[in-house]
Amino acid sequence: MATKLTPLHDRILIKRIEEGETVRGGIIIPDTAKEKPQEGEVIAVGKGKSNEEGKVRPLDVKAGDRILFGKYAGTEIRIDHEDFLIMREEEVLGILSGASRSASDSKHEKAGAGRR
């Protein structure tokens, strides 16, 4: 990325992590019919949110974190011919730790991780 973007306040810049091509019953689903992934990597973060006293509370997420976010969260932007999302930290549903690069492999691990 040649252009550098630093989000303001409690906003974060995210690059979606694309899933592999999905094939169901031998039919290849076209890109236009696929849902956009709800998993991404944090590229840049703002300084934090200010309270009434003027103190800045740093964000819980940091650059390099893999996160989950809602289907309609954030605003899509395009920088140097690449697509990104910019959203507030409160729109992040969770931070993935120990996630593998393959989204389909990690779905099963994430789904049962909280059950014991």
N, C-alpha and C. Protein backbone atom coordinates (compact mmCIF):
# COMPACT_ATOMS: atom_id res chain seq x y z
N MET A 1 0.85 -1.17 0.00
CA MET A 1 0.00 0.00 0.00
C MET A 1 0.90 1.23 0.00
N ALA A 2 0.87 2.00 -1.06
CA ALA A 2 1.73 3.17 -1.18
C ALA A 2 1.18 4.34 -0.35
N THR A 3 -0.12 4.52 -0.33
CA THR A 3 -0.73 5.57 0.46
C THR A 3 -0.90 5.09 1.89
N LYS A 4 -0.53 5.95 2.84
CA LYS A 4 -0.67 5.58 4.24
C LYS A 4 -1.90 6.28 4.81
N LEU A 5 -2.75 5.51 5.48
CA LEU A 5 -3.96 6.04 6.09
C LEU A 5 -3.91 5.73 7.58
N THR A 6 -4.07 6.75 8.39
CA THR A 6 -4.15 6.57 9.84
C THR A 6 -5.57 6.93 10.25
N PRO A 7 -6.35 5.96 10.73
CA PRO A 7 -7.72 6.25 11.15
C PRO A 7 -7.73 7.20 12.35
N LEU A 8 -8.79 7.99 12.46
CA LEU A 8 -8.92 8.92 13.57
C LEU A 8 -9.68 8.28 14.73
N HIS A 9 -9.36 8.72 15.93
CA HIS A 9 -10.06 8.38 17.17
C HIS A 9 -10.18 6.86 17.35
N ASP A 10 -11.41 6.33 17.42
CA ASP A 10 -11.61 4.90 17.70
C ASP A 10 -11.92 4.10 16.44
N ARG A 11 -11.47 4.56 15.30
CA ARG A 11 -11.71 3.84 14.05
C ARG A 11 -10.53 2.94 13.72
N ILE A 12 -10.83 1.87 12.97
CA ILE A 12 -9.80 0.92 12.55
C ILE A 12 -9.94 0.64 11.06
N LEU A 13 -8.82 0.38 10.41
CA LEU A 13 -8.78 0.05 8.98
C LEU A 13 -8.59 -1.45 8.86
N ILE A 14 -9.45 -2.11 8.08
CA ILE A 14 -9.47 -3.57 7.99
C ILE A 14 -9.41 -4.02 6.54
N LYS A 15 -8.66 -5.08 6.30
CA LYS A 15 -8.66 -5.75 5.00
C LYS A 15 -9.37 -7.08 5.19
N ARG A 16 -10.41 -7.32 4.39
CA ARG A 16 -11.15 -8.57 4.49
C ARG A 16 -10.25 -9.75 4.14
N ILE A 17 -10.46 -10.86 4.83
CA ILE A 17 -9.75 -12.11 4.52
C ILE A 17 -10.71 -12.94 3.69
N GLU A 18 -10.34 -13.17 2.44
CA GLU A 18 -11.20 -13.89 1.51
C GLU A 18 -11.15 -15.38 1.76
N GLU A 19 -12.31 -16.03 1.67
CA GLU A 19 -12.38 -17.49 1.79
C GLU A 19 -12.05 -18.10 0.45
N GLY A 20 -11.72 -19.39 0.48
CA GLY A 20 -11.44 -20.11 -0.76
C GLY A 20 -12.71 -20.26 -1.59
N GLU A 21 -12.57 -20.63 -2.84
CA GLU A 21 -13.72 -20.79 -3.73
C GLU A 21 -14.62 -21.91 -3.23
N THR A 22 -15.91 -21.63 -3.13
CA THR A 22 -16.86 -22.59 -2.58
C THR A 22 -17.51 -23.39 -3.71
N VAL A 23 -17.50 -24.70 -3.56
CA VAL A 23 -18.15 -25.57 -4.53
C VAL A 23 -19.15 -26.44 -3.77
N ARG A 24 -20.41 -26.38 -4.18
CA ARG A 24 -21.45 -27.19 -3.56
C ARG A 24 -22.09 -28.06 -4.63
N GLY A 25 -21.98 -29.36 -4.46
CA GLY A 25 -22.59 -30.29 -5.41
C GLY A 25 -22.03 -30.16 -6.81
N GLY A 26 -20.76 -29.75 -6.92
CA GLY A 26 -20.14 -29.63 -8.23
C GLY A 26 -20.45 -28.33 -8.94
N ILE A 27 -21.21 -27.43 -8.30
CA ILE A 27 -21.56 -26.15 -8.92
C ILE A 27 -20.67 -25.07 -8.33
N ILE A 28 -20.02 -24.33 -9.19
CA ILE A 28 -19.16 -23.24 -8.73
C ILE A 28 -20.04 -22.00 -8.55
N ILE A 29 -19.97 -21.43 -7.36
CA ILE A 29 -20.78 -20.25 -7.05
C ILE A 29 -20.05 -19.01 -7.57
N PRO A 30 -20.70 -18.18 -8.41
CA PRO A 30 -20.03 -17.00 -8.95
C PRO A 30 -19.76 -15.97 -7.85
N ASP A 31 -18.77 -15.11 -8.10
CA ASP A 31 -18.39 -14.09 -7.13
C ASP A 31 -19.55 -13.19 -6.72
N THR A 32 -20.45 -12.91 -7.64
CA THR A 32 -21.57 -12.01 -7.34
C THR A 32 -22.56 -12.62 -6.37
N ALA A 33 -22.61 -13.95 -6.27
CA ALA A 33 -23.56 -14.61 -5.38
C ALA A 33 -22.95 -14.94 -4.01
N LYS A 34 -21.65 -14.79 -3.89
CA LYS A 34 -20.98 -15.11 -2.63
C LYS A 34 -21.21 -13.99 -1.61
N GLU A 35 -21.30 -14.39 -0.35
CA GLU A 35 -21.38 -13.41 0.71
C GLU A 35 -19.98 -12.90 1.01
N LYS A 36 -19.89 -11.64 1.41
CA LYS A 36 -18.60 -11.08 1.76
C LYS A 36 -18.17 -11.66 3.11
N PRO A 37 -16.88 -11.95 3.25
CA PRO A 37 -16.42 -12.51 4.51
C PRO A 37 -16.57 -11.53 5.66
N GLN A 38 -16.77 -12.06 6.85
CA GLN A 38 -16.94 -11.25 8.04
C GLN A 38 -15.72 -11.38 8.93
N GLU A 39 -14.61 -11.72 8.32
CA GLU A 39 -13.34 -11.85 9.02
C GLU A 39 -12.33 -10.97 8.32
N GLY A 40 -11.48 -10.31 9.09
CA GLY A 40 -10.51 -9.42 8.48
C GLY A 40 -9.28 -9.25 9.33
N GLU A 41 -8.29 -8.60 8.74
CA GLU A 41 -7.04 -8.30 9.43
C GLU A 41 -6.97 -6.79 9.63
N VAL A 42 -6.63 -6.39 10.85
CA VAL A 42 -6.51 -4.97 11.17
C VAL A 42 -5.21 -4.46 10.55
N ILE A 43 -5.32 -3.42 9.74
CA ILE A 43 -4.18 -2.82 9.06
C ILE A 43 -3.65 -1.63 9.86
N ALA A 44 -4.55 -0.78 10.35
CA ALA A 44 -4.15 0.41 11.11
C ALA A 44 -5.23 0.75 12.11
N VAL A 45 -4.85 1.38 13.22
CA VAL A 45 -5.80 1.79 14.25
C VAL A 45 -5.59 3.25 14.60
N GLY A 46 -6.65 3.87 15.11
CA GLY A 46 -6.56 5.25 15.58
C GLY A 46 -5.95 5.31 16.97
N LYS A 47 -5.83 6.51 17.50
CA LYS A 47 -5.21 6.73 18.81
C LYS A 47 -6.07 6.22 19.96
N GLY A 48 -7.38 6.29 19.81
CA GLY A 48 -8.28 5.87 20.88
C GLY A 48 -9.43 6.85 21.03
N LYS A 49 -10.33 6.51 21.93
CA LYS A 49 -11.53 7.32 22.14
C LYS A 49 -11.31 8.25 23.33
N SER A 50 -11.71 9.50 23.17
CA SER A 50 -11.60 10.48 24.25
C SER A 50 -12.84 10.46 25.12
N ASN A 51 -12.65 10.61 26.44
CA ASN A 51 -13.81 10.70 27.33
C ASN A 51 -14.10 12.17 27.64
N GLU A 52 -15.03 12.42 28.55
CA GLU A 52 -15.44 13.79 28.86
C GLU A 52 -14.31 14.61 29.48
N GLU A 53 -13.37 13.95 30.14
CA GLU A 53 -12.26 14.63 30.78
C GLU A 53 -11.11 14.92 29.82
N GLY A 54 -11.22 14.45 28.60
CA GLY A 54 -10.18 14.66 27.60
C GLY A 54 -9.11 13.59 27.59
N LYS A 55 -9.23 12.58 28.43
CA LYS A 55 -8.26 11.49 28.44
C LYS A 55 -8.59 10.50 27.32
N VAL A 56 -7.54 9.99 26.70
CA VAL A 56 -7.71 9.05 25.58
C VAL A 56 -7.56 7.62 26.09
N ARG A 57 -8.58 6.80 25.80
CA ARG A 57 -8.53 5.38 26.14
C ARG A 57 -8.05 4.63 24.90
N PRO A 58 -6.90 3.93 24.99
CA PRO A 58 -6.39 3.22 23.80
C PRO A 58 -7.33 2.08 23.39
N LEU A 59 -7.23 1.69 22.13
CA LEU A 59 -8.09 0.64 21.60
C LEU A 59 -7.61 -0.74 22.04
N ASP A 60 -8.53 -1.69 22.09
CA ASP A 60 -8.21 -3.08 22.45
C ASP A 60 -7.60 -3.84 21.28
N VAL A 61 -7.91 -3.43 20.05
CA VAL A 61 -7.36 -4.11 18.87
C VAL A 61 -6.10 -3.37 18.43
N LYS A 62 -5.21 -4.11 17.75
CA LYS A 62 -3.98 -3.51 17.26
C LYS A 62 -3.72 -4.02 15.83
N ALA A 63 -2.85 -3.35 15.13
CA ALA A 63 -2.51 -3.76 13.77
C ALA A 63 -2.00 -5.19 13.77
N GLY A 64 -2.49 -5.99 12.83
CA GLY A 64 -2.09 -7.39 12.71
C GLY A 64 -3.09 -8.36 13.31
N ASP A 65 -4.03 -7.87 14.15
CA ASP A 65 -5.05 -8.74 14.75
C ASP A 65 -6.02 -9.22 13.68
N ARG A 66 -6.50 -10.47 13.85
CA ARG A 66 -7.57 -10.99 13.00
C ARG A 66 -8.86 -10.86 13.80
N ILE A 67 -9.87 -10.28 13.18
CA ILE A 67 -11.10 -9.97 13.90
C ILE A 67 -12.33 -10.48 13.16
N LEU A 68 -13.43 -10.57 13.88
CA LEU A 68 -14.74 -10.85 13.31
C LEU A 68 -15.58 -9.59 13.46
N PHE A 69 -16.40 -9.32 12.45
CA PHE A 69 -17.27 -8.15 12.49
C PHE A 69 -18.60 -8.49 11.86
N GLY A 70 -19.60 -7.66 12.10
CA GLY A 70 -20.94 -7.89 11.58
C GLY A 70 -21.03 -7.76 10.07
N LYS A 71 -22.04 -8.37 9.51
CA LYS A 71 -22.24 -8.40 8.06
C LYS A 71 -22.30 -7.00 7.44
N TYR A 72 -22.95 -6.06 8.13
CA TYR A 72 -23.13 -4.71 7.58
C TYR A 72 -22.28 -3.67 8.30
N ALA A 73 -21.25 -4.10 8.99
CA ALA A 73 -20.40 -3.18 9.76
C ALA A 73 -19.46 -2.41 8.85
N GLY A 74 -19.14 -1.22 9.25
CA GLY A 74 -18.12 -0.42 8.58
C GLY A 74 -18.54 0.20 7.27
N THR A 75 -17.60 0.93 6.70
CA THR A 75 -17.77 1.61 5.42
C THR A 75 -16.69 1.11 4.48
N GLU A 76 -17.09 0.68 3.31
CA GLU A 76 -16.12 0.19 2.33
C GLU A 76 -15.43 1.37 1.68
N ILE A 77 -14.10 1.28 1.59
CA ILE A 77 -13.31 2.32 0.92
C ILE A 77 -12.32 1.65 -0.01
N ARG A 78 -11.78 2.43 -0.94
CA ARG A 78 -10.81 1.92 -1.91
C ARG A 78 -9.59 2.83 -1.85
N ILE A 79 -8.41 2.23 -1.58
CA ILE A 79 -7.15 2.97 -1.54
C ILE A 79 -6.16 2.24 -2.43
N ASP A 80 -5.58 2.96 -3.38
CA ASP A 80 -4.58 2.37 -4.30
C ASP A 80 -5.08 1.07 -4.92
N HIS A 81 -6.30 1.06 -5.41
CA HIS A 81 -6.91 -0.09 -6.09
C HIS A 81 -7.09 -1.30 -5.19
N GLU A 82 -7.11 -1.13 -3.88
CA GLU A 82 -7.39 -2.20 -2.93
C GLU A 82 -8.61 -1.83 -2.10
N ASP A 83 -9.43 -2.83 -1.78
CA ASP A 83 -10.64 -2.61 -0.98
C ASP A 83 -10.36 -2.81 0.49
N PHE A 84 -10.86 -1.89 1.31
CA PHE A 84 -10.71 -1.95 2.76
C PHE A 84 -12.04 -1.60 3.40
N LEU A 85 -12.12 -1.83 4.69
CA LEU A 85 -13.25 -1.39 5.51
C LEU A 85 -12.70 -0.47 6.58
N ILE A 86 -13.45 0.57 6.90
CA ILE A 86 -13.10 1.40 8.03
C ILE A 86 -14.30 1.40 8.95
N MET A 87 -14.07 1.10 10.24
CA MET A 87 -15.18 0.99 11.19
C MET A 87 -14.73 1.41 12.57
N ARG A 88 -15.70 1.63 13.43
CA ARG A 88 -15.41 1.93 14.83
C ARG A 88 -15.08 0.63 15.56
N GLU A 89 -14.30 0.75 16.61
CA GLU A 89 -13.91 -0.43 17.38
C GLU A 89 -15.14 -1.14 17.95
N GLU A 90 -16.17 -0.41 18.29
CA GLU A 90 -17.37 -1.02 18.89
C GLU A 90 -18.10 -1.95 17.93
N GLU A 91 -17.80 -1.87 16.63
CA GLU A 91 -18.42 -2.76 15.65
C GLU A 91 -17.72 -4.12 15.55
N VAL A 92 -16.55 -4.25 16.19
CA VAL A 92 -15.81 -5.50 16.19
C VAL A 92 -16.49 -6.47 17.15
N LEU A 93 -16.76 -7.68 16.68
CA LEU A 93 -17.43 -8.69 17.50
C LEU A 93 -16.44 -9.47 18.35
N GLY A 94 -15.22 -9.66 17.86
CA GLY A 94 -14.23 -10.41 18.61
C GLY A 94 -12.89 -10.47 17.91
N ILE A 95 -11.86 -10.80 18.67
CA ILE A 95 -10.51 -10.95 18.13
C ILE A 95 -10.20 -12.44 18.09
N LEU A 96 -9.74 -12.92 16.93
CA LEU A 96 -9.39 -14.33 16.77
C LEU A 96 -7.94 -14.54 17.18
N SER A 97 -7.70 -15.51 18.03
CA SER A 97 -6.32 -15.83 18.40
C SER A 97 -6.05 -17.27 17.98
N GLY A 98 -4.86 -17.51 17.46
CA GLY A 98 -4.48 -18.85 17.01
C GLY A 98 -5.22 -19.28 15.76
N ALA A 99 -5.72 -18.33 14.95
CA ALA A 99 -6.47 -18.67 13.75
C ALA A 99 -5.51 -19.05 12.63
N SER A 100 -5.86 -20.10 11.91
CA SER A 100 -5.04 -20.52 10.77
C SER A 100 -5.40 -19.67 9.56
N ARG A 101 -4.59 -19.73 8.53
CA ARG A 101 -4.83 -18.95 7.32
C ARG A 101 -6.04 -19.44 6.54
N SER A 102 -6.35 -20.74 6.63
CA SER A 102 -7.49 -21.30 5.90
C SER A 102 -8.77 -21.02 6.67
N ALA A 103 -9.64 -20.23 6.07
CA ALA A 103 -10.87 -19.84 6.75
C ALA A 103 -11.79 -21.02 6.98
N SER A 104 -11.84 -21.98 6.04
CA SER A 104 -12.74 -23.12 6.20
C SER A 104 -12.26 -24.05 7.31
N ASP A 105 -10.94 -24.20 7.47
CA ASP A 105 -10.41 -25.03 8.55
C ASP A 105 -10.67 -24.42 9.91
N SER A 106 -10.54 -23.11 10.00
CA SER A 106 -10.65 -22.45 11.29
C SER A 106 -12.10 -22.26 11.73
N LYS A 107 -13.07 -22.39 10.83
CA LYS A 107 -14.48 -22.23 11.20
C LYS A 107 -14.87 -23.25 12.26
N HIS A 108 -14.44 -24.49 12.07
CA HIS A 108 -14.81 -25.54 13.01
C HIS A 108 -14.13 -25.34 14.36
N GLU A 109 -12.90 -24.88 14.35
CA GLU A 109 -12.18 -24.62 15.60
C GLU A 109 -12.83 -23.49 16.37
N LYS A 110 -13.22 -22.42 15.68
CA LYS A 110 -13.81 -21.25 16.32
C LYS A 110 -15.18 -21.56 16.88
N ALA A 111 -15.95 -22.36 16.14
CA ALA A 111 -17.32 -22.63 16.55
C ALA A 111 -17.39 -23.37 17.87
N GLY A 112 -16.50 -24.30 18.11
CA GLY A 112 -16.55 -25.09 19.33
C GLY A 112 -15.59 -24.63 20.41
N ALA A 113 -14.88 -23.54 20.18
CA ALA A 113 -13.84 -23.10 21.11
C ALA A 113 -14.40 -22.71 22.48
N GLY A 114 -15.60 -22.16 22.53
CA GLY A 114 -16.16 -21.70 23.81
C GLY A 114 -16.90 -22.76 24.57
N ARG A 115 -17.14 -23.91 23.99
CA ARG A 115 -17.91 -24.97 24.64
C ARG A 115 -17.00 -25.88 25.45
N ARG A 116 -17.33 -26.11 26.68
CA ARG A 116 -16.59 -27.06 27.54
C ARG A 116 -17.48 -27.51 28.63
